[in-house]
N, C-alpha and C. Protein backbone atom coordinates (compact mmCIF):
# COMPACT_ATOMS: atom_id res chain seq x y z
N MET A 1 -137.13 -46.23 203.75
CA MET A 1 -138.19 -46.94 202.91
C MET A 1 -137.64 -46.85 201.49
N ALA A 2 -137.71 -47.80 200.77
CA ALA A 2 -137.26 -47.84 199.40
C ALA A 2 -138.29 -47.21 198.46
N ARG A 3 -137.84 -46.43 197.47
CA ARG A 3 -138.75 -45.67 196.72
C ARG A 3 -139.27 -46.53 195.62
N THR A 4 -140.42 -46.29 195.12
CA THR A 4 -141.08 -47.05 194.06
C THR A 4 -140.47 -46.82 192.76
N VAL A 5 -140.15 -47.85 192.07
CA VAL A 5 -139.59 -47.83 190.68
C VAL A 5 -140.72 -47.80 189.69
N ASN A 6 -140.53 -46.90 188.69
CA ASN A 6 -141.48 -46.68 187.62
C ASN A 6 -140.94 -47.13 186.22
N ILE A 7 -141.75 -47.82 185.42
CA ILE A 7 -141.44 -48.27 184.04
C ILE A 7 -142.28 -47.59 183.30
N LEU A 8 -141.76 -46.94 182.11
CA LEU A 8 -142.55 -46.46 180.93
C LEU A 8 -142.32 -47.46 179.80
N LEU A 9 -143.43 -48.03 179.30
CA LEU A 9 -143.51 -48.84 178.08
C LEU A 9 -143.94 -48.11 176.84
N VAL A 10 -143.16 -47.96 175.87
CA VAL A 10 -143.41 -47.20 174.60
C VAL A 10 -143.71 -48.44 173.60
N GLU A 11 -145.08 -48.63 173.41
CA GLU A 11 -145.44 -49.75 172.48
C GLU A 11 -146.72 -49.41 171.89
N ASP A 12 -146.78 -49.70 170.51
CA ASP A 12 -147.93 -49.30 169.78
C ASP A 12 -148.95 -50.52 169.49
N ASP A 13 -148.35 -51.72 169.59
CA ASP A 13 -149.31 -52.96 169.43
C ASP A 13 -150.22 -53.20 170.71
N PRO A 14 -151.42 -52.92 170.61
CA PRO A 14 -152.21 -53.33 171.89
C PRO A 14 -152.04 -54.67 172.45
N ASN A 15 -151.85 -55.68 171.49
CA ASN A 15 -151.65 -57.09 171.96
C ASN A 15 -150.45 -57.25 172.85
N ASP A 16 -149.36 -56.56 172.32
CA ASP A 16 -148.06 -56.65 172.98
C ASP A 16 -148.21 -55.95 174.37
N VAL A 17 -148.81 -54.83 174.41
CA VAL A 17 -149.07 -54.08 175.59
C VAL A 17 -149.68 -54.88 176.59
N MET A 18 -150.74 -55.66 176.13
CA MET A 18 -151.56 -56.53 177.17
C MET A 18 -150.69 -57.63 177.64
N LEU A 19 -149.89 -58.33 176.69
CA LEU A 19 -148.94 -59.32 177.20
C LEU A 19 -147.96 -58.88 178.09
N ILE A 20 -147.22 -57.69 177.69
CA ILE A 20 -146.20 -57.22 178.58
C ILE A 20 -146.67 -56.79 179.95
N ARG A 21 -147.96 -56.06 179.95
CA ARG A 21 -148.48 -55.65 181.20
C ARG A 21 -148.75 -56.92 182.15
N LYS A 22 -149.38 -58.04 181.50
CA LYS A 22 -149.63 -59.29 182.28
C LYS A 22 -148.27 -59.87 182.72
N ALA A 23 -147.22 -59.81 181.91
CA ALA A 23 -145.98 -60.36 182.35
C ALA A 23 -145.28 -59.55 183.49
N VAL A 24 -145.42 -58.22 183.45
CA VAL A 24 -144.93 -57.37 184.45
C VAL A 24 -145.76 -57.59 185.72
N GLN A 25 -147.07 -57.74 185.70
CA GLN A 25 -147.92 -58.02 186.91
C GLN A 25 -147.50 -59.38 187.45
N LYS A 26 -147.12 -60.40 186.68
CA LYS A 26 -146.82 -61.75 187.21
C LYS A 26 -145.38 -61.73 187.74
N THR A 27 -144.58 -61.05 187.23
CA THR A 27 -143.13 -61.23 187.68
C THR A 27 -142.63 -60.05 188.45
N LEU A 28 -143.12 -58.94 188.15
CA LEU A 28 -142.60 -57.73 188.95
C LEU A 28 -143.67 -57.09 189.79
N SER A 29 -144.35 -57.78 190.60
CA SER A 29 -145.54 -57.49 191.27
C SER A 29 -145.25 -56.10 192.03
N GLY A 30 -146.25 -55.26 191.82
CA GLY A 30 -146.18 -53.93 192.50
C GLY A 30 -145.47 -52.84 191.84
N ILE A 31 -144.78 -53.20 190.68
CA ILE A 31 -144.05 -52.18 189.89
C ILE A 31 -144.96 -51.53 188.90
N PRO A 32 -145.27 -50.20 189.00
CA PRO A 32 -146.14 -49.63 188.16
C PRO A 32 -145.50 -49.57 186.66
N LEU A 33 -146.42 -49.72 185.75
CA LEU A 33 -146.14 -49.66 184.34
C LEU A 33 -147.04 -48.69 183.62
N ALA A 34 -146.50 -47.58 183.15
CA ALA A 34 -147.07 -46.56 182.42
C ALA A 34 -146.95 -47.13 180.93
N VAL A 35 -147.89 -46.73 180.09
CA VAL A 35 -147.77 -47.15 178.68
C VAL A 35 -148.10 -45.89 177.82
N VAL A 36 -147.32 -45.69 176.73
CA VAL A 36 -147.74 -44.83 175.70
C VAL A 36 -147.55 -45.44 174.43
N SER A 37 -148.37 -45.06 173.31
CA SER A 37 -148.44 -45.84 172.19
C SER A 37 -147.56 -45.36 170.98
N ASN A 38 -146.87 -44.27 171.08
CA ASN A 38 -146.04 -43.81 169.93
C ASN A 38 -144.93 -42.98 170.54
N GLY A 39 -143.95 -42.66 169.64
CA GLY A 39 -142.65 -42.08 170.10
C GLY A 39 -143.00 -40.57 170.48
N GLN A 40 -143.92 -39.85 169.80
CA GLN A 40 -144.10 -38.51 170.13
C GLN A 40 -144.68 -38.34 171.59
N THR A 41 -145.72 -39.24 171.89
CA THR A 41 -146.23 -39.32 173.19
C THR A 41 -145.26 -39.66 174.22
N ALA A 42 -144.31 -40.53 173.88
CA ALA A 42 -143.20 -40.80 174.88
C ALA A 42 -142.36 -39.56 175.11
N ILE A 43 -142.04 -38.85 174.24
CA ILE A 43 -141.27 -37.65 174.37
C ILE A 43 -142.11 -36.55 175.31
N ASN A 44 -143.43 -36.38 175.01
CA ASN A 44 -144.29 -35.59 175.75
C ASN A 44 -144.19 -36.09 177.22
N TYR A 45 -144.42 -37.38 177.47
CA TYR A 45 -144.38 -37.90 178.76
C TYR A 45 -143.01 -37.66 179.52
N LEU A 46 -141.89 -37.86 178.84
CA LEU A 46 -140.58 -37.44 179.44
C LEU A 46 -140.40 -36.06 179.67
N LYS A 47 -140.94 -35.15 178.87
CA LYS A 47 -140.77 -33.83 179.02
C LYS A 47 -141.68 -33.38 180.16
N GLY A 48 -142.65 -34.11 180.38
CA GLY A 48 -143.72 -33.65 181.39
C GLY A 48 -144.59 -32.60 180.77
N GLU A 49 -144.99 -32.72 179.56
CA GLU A 49 -145.84 -31.84 178.92
C GLU A 49 -147.25 -32.34 178.86
N SER A 50 -148.18 -31.19 178.80
CA SER A 50 -149.68 -31.52 178.76
C SER A 50 -150.02 -32.30 179.98
N VAL A 51 -150.84 -33.28 179.79
CA VAL A 51 -151.34 -34.00 180.88
C VAL A 51 -150.15 -34.73 181.74
N TYR A 52 -149.10 -35.00 181.14
CA TYR A 52 -147.97 -35.63 181.79
C TYR A 52 -147.16 -34.68 182.68
N ALA A 53 -147.72 -33.56 182.94
CA ALA A 53 -147.03 -32.48 183.84
C ALA A 53 -147.34 -32.94 185.22
N ASP A 54 -148.52 -33.68 185.33
CA ASP A 54 -148.86 -34.28 186.75
C ASP A 54 -148.00 -35.42 187.15
N ARG A 55 -146.86 -35.11 187.72
CA ARG A 55 -145.95 -36.23 188.12
C ARG A 55 -146.51 -37.17 189.09
N ALA A 56 -147.41 -36.69 189.84
CA ALA A 56 -148.08 -37.60 190.76
C ALA A 56 -148.80 -38.72 189.96
N ALA A 57 -149.63 -38.32 188.89
CA ALA A 57 -150.29 -39.32 188.21
C ALA A 57 -149.38 -40.02 187.06
N TYR A 58 -148.32 -39.27 186.58
CA TYR A 58 -147.52 -39.78 185.58
C TYR A 58 -146.03 -39.55 186.01
N PRO A 59 -145.58 -40.47 187.05
CA PRO A 59 -144.22 -40.32 187.51
C PRO A 59 -143.13 -40.55 186.47
N PHE A 60 -142.06 -39.81 186.65
CA PHE A 60 -140.95 -39.97 185.79
C PHE A 60 -140.34 -41.44 185.91
N PRO A 61 -140.10 -41.94 184.71
CA PRO A 61 -139.68 -43.40 184.78
C PRO A 61 -138.32 -43.62 185.21
N ASP A 62 -138.06 -44.83 185.72
CA ASP A 62 -136.74 -45.18 186.24
C ASP A 62 -136.15 -46.12 185.00
N ILE A 63 -137.08 -46.62 184.31
CA ILE A 63 -136.60 -47.48 183.09
C ILE A 63 -137.56 -47.26 182.08
N LEU A 64 -136.97 -47.06 180.83
CA LEU A 64 -137.76 -46.85 179.60
C LEU A 64 -137.66 -48.19 178.67
N LEU A 65 -138.76 -48.88 178.46
CA LEU A 65 -138.89 -49.96 177.57
C LEU A 65 -139.28 -49.48 176.24
N LEU A 66 -138.63 -49.68 175.26
CA LEU A 66 -138.85 -48.96 173.92
C LEU A 66 -138.91 -49.94 172.89
N ASP A 67 -140.12 -49.88 172.13
CA ASP A 67 -140.25 -50.45 170.83
C ASP A 67 -139.60 -49.75 169.78
N LEU A 68 -139.30 -50.36 168.74
CA LEU A 68 -138.58 -49.56 167.56
C LEU A 68 -139.49 -49.16 166.41
N LYS A 69 -140.43 -50.07 166.06
CA LYS A 69 -141.36 -49.81 165.00
C LYS A 69 -142.71 -49.24 165.53
N MET A 70 -142.80 -47.92 165.29
CA MET A 70 -143.89 -47.23 165.79
C MET A 70 -144.27 -46.06 164.96
N PRO A 71 -145.61 -45.64 165.12
CA PRO A 71 -145.97 -44.40 164.32
C PRO A 71 -145.48 -43.11 164.85
N LEU A 72 -145.58 -42.06 164.11
CA LEU A 72 -145.07 -40.73 164.49
C LEU A 72 -143.67 -40.62 164.57
N LEU A 73 -143.06 -41.10 165.68
CA LEU A 73 -141.55 -41.20 165.86
C LEU A 73 -141.31 -42.60 166.26
N ASN A 74 -140.36 -43.10 165.49
CA ASN A 74 -139.97 -44.54 165.73
C ASN A 74 -139.06 -44.52 167.00
N GLY A 75 -138.73 -45.74 167.51
CA GLY A 75 -137.95 -46.02 168.63
C GLY A 75 -136.58 -45.40 168.46
N PHE A 76 -135.98 -45.46 167.35
CA PHE A 76 -134.74 -44.89 167.13
C PHE A 76 -134.71 -43.31 167.24
N GLU A 77 -135.77 -42.77 166.77
CA GLU A 77 -135.82 -41.30 166.88
C GLU A 77 -136.14 -40.85 168.43
N VAL A 78 -136.79 -41.59 169.11
CA VAL A 78 -136.99 -41.40 170.62
C VAL A 78 -135.73 -41.56 171.34
N LEU A 79 -135.03 -42.67 170.97
CA LEU A 79 -133.67 -42.93 171.63
C LEU A 79 -132.68 -41.90 171.26
N ARG A 80 -132.72 -41.50 170.18
CA ARG A 80 -131.82 -40.14 169.72
C ARG A 80 -132.12 -39.09 170.60
N TRP A 81 -133.46 -38.60 170.67
CA TRP A 81 -133.85 -37.55 171.40
C TRP A 81 -133.43 -37.67 172.92
N VAL A 82 -133.71 -38.83 173.54
CA VAL A 82 -133.33 -39.03 174.83
C VAL A 82 -131.86 -38.79 175.21
N ARG A 83 -131.04 -39.43 174.33
CA ARG A 83 -129.61 -39.37 174.50
C ARG A 83 -129.12 -37.85 174.21
N GLN A 84 -129.85 -36.99 173.58
CA GLN A 84 -129.58 -35.53 173.28
C GLN A 84 -129.89 -34.77 174.42
N GLN A 85 -130.63 -35.21 175.46
CA GLN A 85 -131.09 -34.44 176.56
C GLN A 85 -130.08 -34.74 177.69
N PRO A 86 -129.37 -33.62 178.07
CA PRO A 86 -128.28 -33.83 179.12
C PRO A 86 -129.02 -34.24 180.46
N ARG A 87 -130.23 -33.99 180.65
CA ARG A 87 -130.99 -34.27 181.84
C ARG A 87 -131.46 -35.73 181.97
N LEU A 88 -131.42 -36.44 180.70
CA LEU A 88 -131.85 -37.78 180.52
C LEU A 88 -130.86 -38.75 180.33
N LYS A 89 -129.64 -38.34 180.34
CA LYS A 89 -128.53 -39.20 179.91
C LYS A 89 -128.46 -40.50 180.86
N ARG A 90 -128.83 -40.44 181.99
CA ARG A 90 -128.81 -41.58 182.87
C ARG A 90 -129.95 -42.56 182.87
N LEU A 91 -130.95 -42.09 182.07
CA LEU A 91 -132.17 -43.01 182.23
C LEU A 91 -131.91 -44.34 181.26
N PRO A 92 -132.08 -45.45 181.92
CA PRO A 92 -131.81 -46.71 181.28
C PRO A 92 -132.86 -46.93 180.18
N VAL A 93 -132.38 -47.19 179.01
CA VAL A 93 -133.33 -47.47 177.93
C VAL A 93 -133.14 -48.94 177.44
N ILE A 94 -134.14 -49.73 177.55
CA ILE A 94 -134.07 -51.14 177.11
C ILE A 94 -134.87 -51.01 175.87
N VAL A 95 -134.36 -51.44 174.74
CA VAL A 95 -135.00 -51.69 173.49
C VAL A 95 -135.71 -52.97 173.67
N LEU A 96 -137.04 -53.03 173.44
CA LEU A 96 -137.86 -54.33 173.55
C LEU A 96 -138.61 -54.43 172.26
N THR A 97 -138.03 -55.18 171.26
CA THR A 97 -138.51 -55.15 169.98
C THR A 97 -138.65 -56.58 169.35
N GLY A 98 -139.38 -56.50 168.31
CA GLY A 98 -139.61 -57.82 167.52
C GLY A 98 -138.55 -57.97 166.47
N SER A 99 -137.77 -56.92 166.34
CA SER A 99 -136.70 -56.91 165.26
C SER A 99 -135.51 -57.75 165.56
N VAL A 100 -135.22 -58.76 164.77
CA VAL A 100 -133.98 -59.57 164.99
C VAL A 100 -132.88 -59.10 163.95
N GLN A 101 -133.08 -57.99 163.35
CA GLN A 101 -132.06 -57.41 162.43
C GLN A 101 -130.83 -57.07 163.24
N ASP A 102 -129.59 -57.53 162.80
CA ASP A 102 -128.42 -57.03 163.41
C ASP A 102 -128.12 -55.64 163.34
N ASN A 103 -128.47 -55.04 162.18
CA ASN A 103 -128.27 -53.64 161.97
C ASN A 103 -129.16 -52.78 163.01
N ASP A 104 -130.40 -53.23 163.33
CA ASP A 104 -131.13 -52.45 164.31
C ASP A 104 -130.50 -52.61 165.60
N ALA A 105 -129.94 -53.65 166.13
CA ALA A 105 -129.38 -53.87 167.40
C ALA A 105 -128.13 -53.08 167.36
N ARG A 106 -127.33 -53.12 166.40
CA ARG A 106 -126.00 -52.34 166.31
C ARG A 106 -126.34 -50.69 166.33
N MET A 107 -127.30 -50.28 165.68
CA MET A 107 -127.69 -48.98 165.72
C MET A 107 -128.25 -48.47 166.95
N ALA A 108 -129.08 -49.41 167.61
CA ALA A 108 -129.63 -48.98 168.96
C ALA A 108 -128.48 -48.84 169.94
N TYR A 109 -127.49 -49.84 169.96
CA TYR A 109 -126.33 -49.58 170.90
C TYR A 109 -125.56 -48.43 170.68
N GLU A 110 -125.32 -48.19 169.32
CA GLU A 110 -124.60 -46.98 169.03
C GLU A 110 -125.24 -45.68 169.40
N MET A 111 -126.57 -45.68 169.41
CA MET A 111 -127.36 -44.49 169.72
C MET A 111 -127.45 -44.37 171.36
N GLY A 112 -126.99 -45.39 172.10
CA GLY A 112 -126.97 -45.33 173.50
C GLY A 112 -128.02 -46.22 174.27
N ALA A 113 -128.63 -47.21 173.54
CA ALA A 113 -129.48 -48.08 174.30
C ALA A 113 -128.60 -48.88 175.30
N ASN A 114 -129.15 -49.22 176.44
CA ASN A 114 -128.59 -49.99 177.53
C ASN A 114 -128.60 -51.41 177.19
N SER A 115 -129.73 -51.79 176.52
CA SER A 115 -130.02 -53.15 176.25
C SER A 115 -130.86 -53.39 175.04
N TYR A 116 -130.70 -54.51 174.32
CA TYR A 116 -131.46 -54.76 173.17
C TYR A 116 -132.00 -56.11 173.33
N VAL A 117 -133.44 -56.21 173.54
CA VAL A 117 -134.08 -57.48 173.97
C VAL A 117 -135.12 -57.78 172.82
N ILE A 118 -135.06 -58.92 172.28
CA ILE A 118 -136.12 -59.39 171.26
C ILE A 118 -137.28 -59.89 172.03
N LYS A 119 -138.45 -59.31 171.67
CA LYS A 119 -139.70 -59.75 172.31
C LYS A 119 -139.91 -61.20 171.94
N PRO A 120 -140.03 -62.11 172.84
CA PRO A 120 -140.47 -63.44 172.62
C PRO A 120 -141.87 -63.58 172.12
N THR A 121 -142.18 -64.46 171.20
CA THR A 121 -143.53 -64.69 170.71
C THR A 121 -144.40 -65.50 171.60
N ASP A 122 -143.73 -66.35 172.52
CA ASP A 122 -144.40 -67.27 173.46
C ASP A 122 -144.55 -66.54 174.82
N PHE A 123 -145.84 -66.64 175.36
CA PHE A 123 -146.00 -65.87 176.66
C PHE A 123 -145.07 -66.36 177.71
N ASN A 124 -144.83 -67.66 177.84
CA ASN A 124 -144.00 -68.14 178.90
C ASN A 124 -142.63 -67.66 178.67
N GLN A 125 -142.12 -67.63 177.53
CA GLN A 125 -140.85 -66.88 177.26
C GLN A 125 -140.79 -65.52 177.54
N LEU A 126 -141.94 -64.85 177.33
CA LEU A 126 -142.00 -63.32 177.63
C LEU A 126 -141.95 -63.21 179.12
N LEU A 127 -142.65 -64.09 179.96
CA LEU A 127 -142.55 -64.03 181.41
C LEU A 127 -141.07 -64.24 181.79
N GLU A 128 -140.44 -65.14 181.30
CA GLU A 128 -139.00 -65.40 181.68
C GLU A 128 -138.15 -64.14 181.32
N THR A 129 -138.41 -63.52 180.11
CA THR A 129 -137.62 -62.27 179.69
C THR A 129 -137.87 -61.13 180.70
N VAL A 130 -139.09 -60.86 181.13
CA VAL A 130 -139.45 -59.94 181.99
C VAL A 130 -138.90 -60.08 183.35
N LYS A 131 -139.01 -61.35 183.78
CA LYS A 131 -138.36 -61.71 185.02
C LYS A 131 -136.86 -61.50 185.09
N THR A 132 -136.22 -61.90 183.94
CA THR A 132 -134.76 -61.75 183.95
C THR A 132 -134.42 -60.10 183.86
N LEU A 133 -135.13 -59.44 183.09
CA LEU A 133 -134.94 -57.98 183.08
C LEU A 133 -135.19 -57.36 184.58
N GLY A 134 -136.26 -57.69 185.17
CA GLY A 134 -136.50 -57.29 186.54
C GLY A 134 -135.37 -57.66 187.62
N ASN A 135 -134.96 -58.91 187.39
CA ASN A 135 -133.73 -59.23 188.26
C ASN A 135 -132.68 -58.51 187.99
N PHE A 136 -132.29 -58.27 186.89
CA PHE A 136 -131.05 -57.48 186.55
C PHE A 136 -131.22 -55.94 186.92
N TRP A 137 -132.38 -55.28 186.26
CA TRP A 137 -132.35 -53.90 186.54
C TRP A 137 -132.91 -53.48 187.76
N LEU A 138 -133.74 -54.34 188.41
CA LEU A 138 -134.43 -53.77 189.67
C LEU A 138 -133.79 -54.48 191.02
N LYS A 139 -133.09 -55.57 190.71
CA LYS A 139 -132.43 -56.32 191.87
C LYS A 139 -130.88 -56.25 191.94
N GLY A 140 -130.40 -56.42 190.68
CA GLY A 140 -128.96 -56.44 190.62
C GLY A 140 -128.27 -55.20 190.16
N THR A 141 -128.97 -54.18 189.93
CA THR A 141 -128.52 -52.95 189.50
C THR A 141 -128.94 -51.75 190.33
N ARG A 142 -128.11 -50.85 190.66
CA ARG A 142 -128.55 -49.61 191.36
C ARG A 142 -129.00 -48.64 190.30
N LEU A 143 -130.22 -48.29 190.26
CA LEU A 143 -130.72 -47.34 189.23
C LEU A 143 -130.43 -45.91 189.81
N PRO A 144 -130.28 -45.16 188.85
CA PRO A 144 -130.06 -43.55 189.25
C PRO A 144 -131.49 -43.05 189.72
N GLU A 145 -131.33 -41.83 190.49
CA GLU A 145 -132.62 -41.30 190.94
C GLU A 145 -133.51 -40.97 189.72
N ALA A 146 -134.70 -41.23 189.86
CA ALA A 146 -135.78 -40.80 188.73
C ALA A 146 -135.72 -39.35 188.56
N GLY A 147 -136.04 -39.03 187.29
CA GLY A 147 -136.32 -37.73 187.10
C GLY A 147 -135.13 -36.86 186.52
N PRO A 148 -135.49 -35.93 185.59
CA PRO A 148 -134.47 -34.93 185.29
C PRO A 148 -133.90 -34.20 186.44
N GLU A 149 -132.67 -33.79 186.37
CA GLU A 149 -132.11 -32.96 187.36
C GLU A 149 -132.77 -31.61 187.59
């Protein structure tokens, strides 16, 4: 029996969360999407701290969808932290951002992002983007086992 794949979305904009959640429901049926709204909470989730220690309720993600512009810790700070953790080095990190800045994309890749995807502003384009990501990461790629070693 195949294991369930879990996605963690780190996004502070409630409208984007709603749209991404809808797009995931429509295109990646049955894939759980956990959401946190800032970088510090993302790190707490990945560490399994506080409420996130209950991995039955908050399973370790197989894929991290990471916005860049957020409060407390931004996406670059989260990405830096993730890549400094030996136990998280295999976690696929997909930057999903509204930033079209070449410098942001360059820096994200230099810091270890697996992909840099610009959030479409049109919902139908977002559906296509999420479907494409799902086809690649969930069908065309073998993901490492979830969770730190």
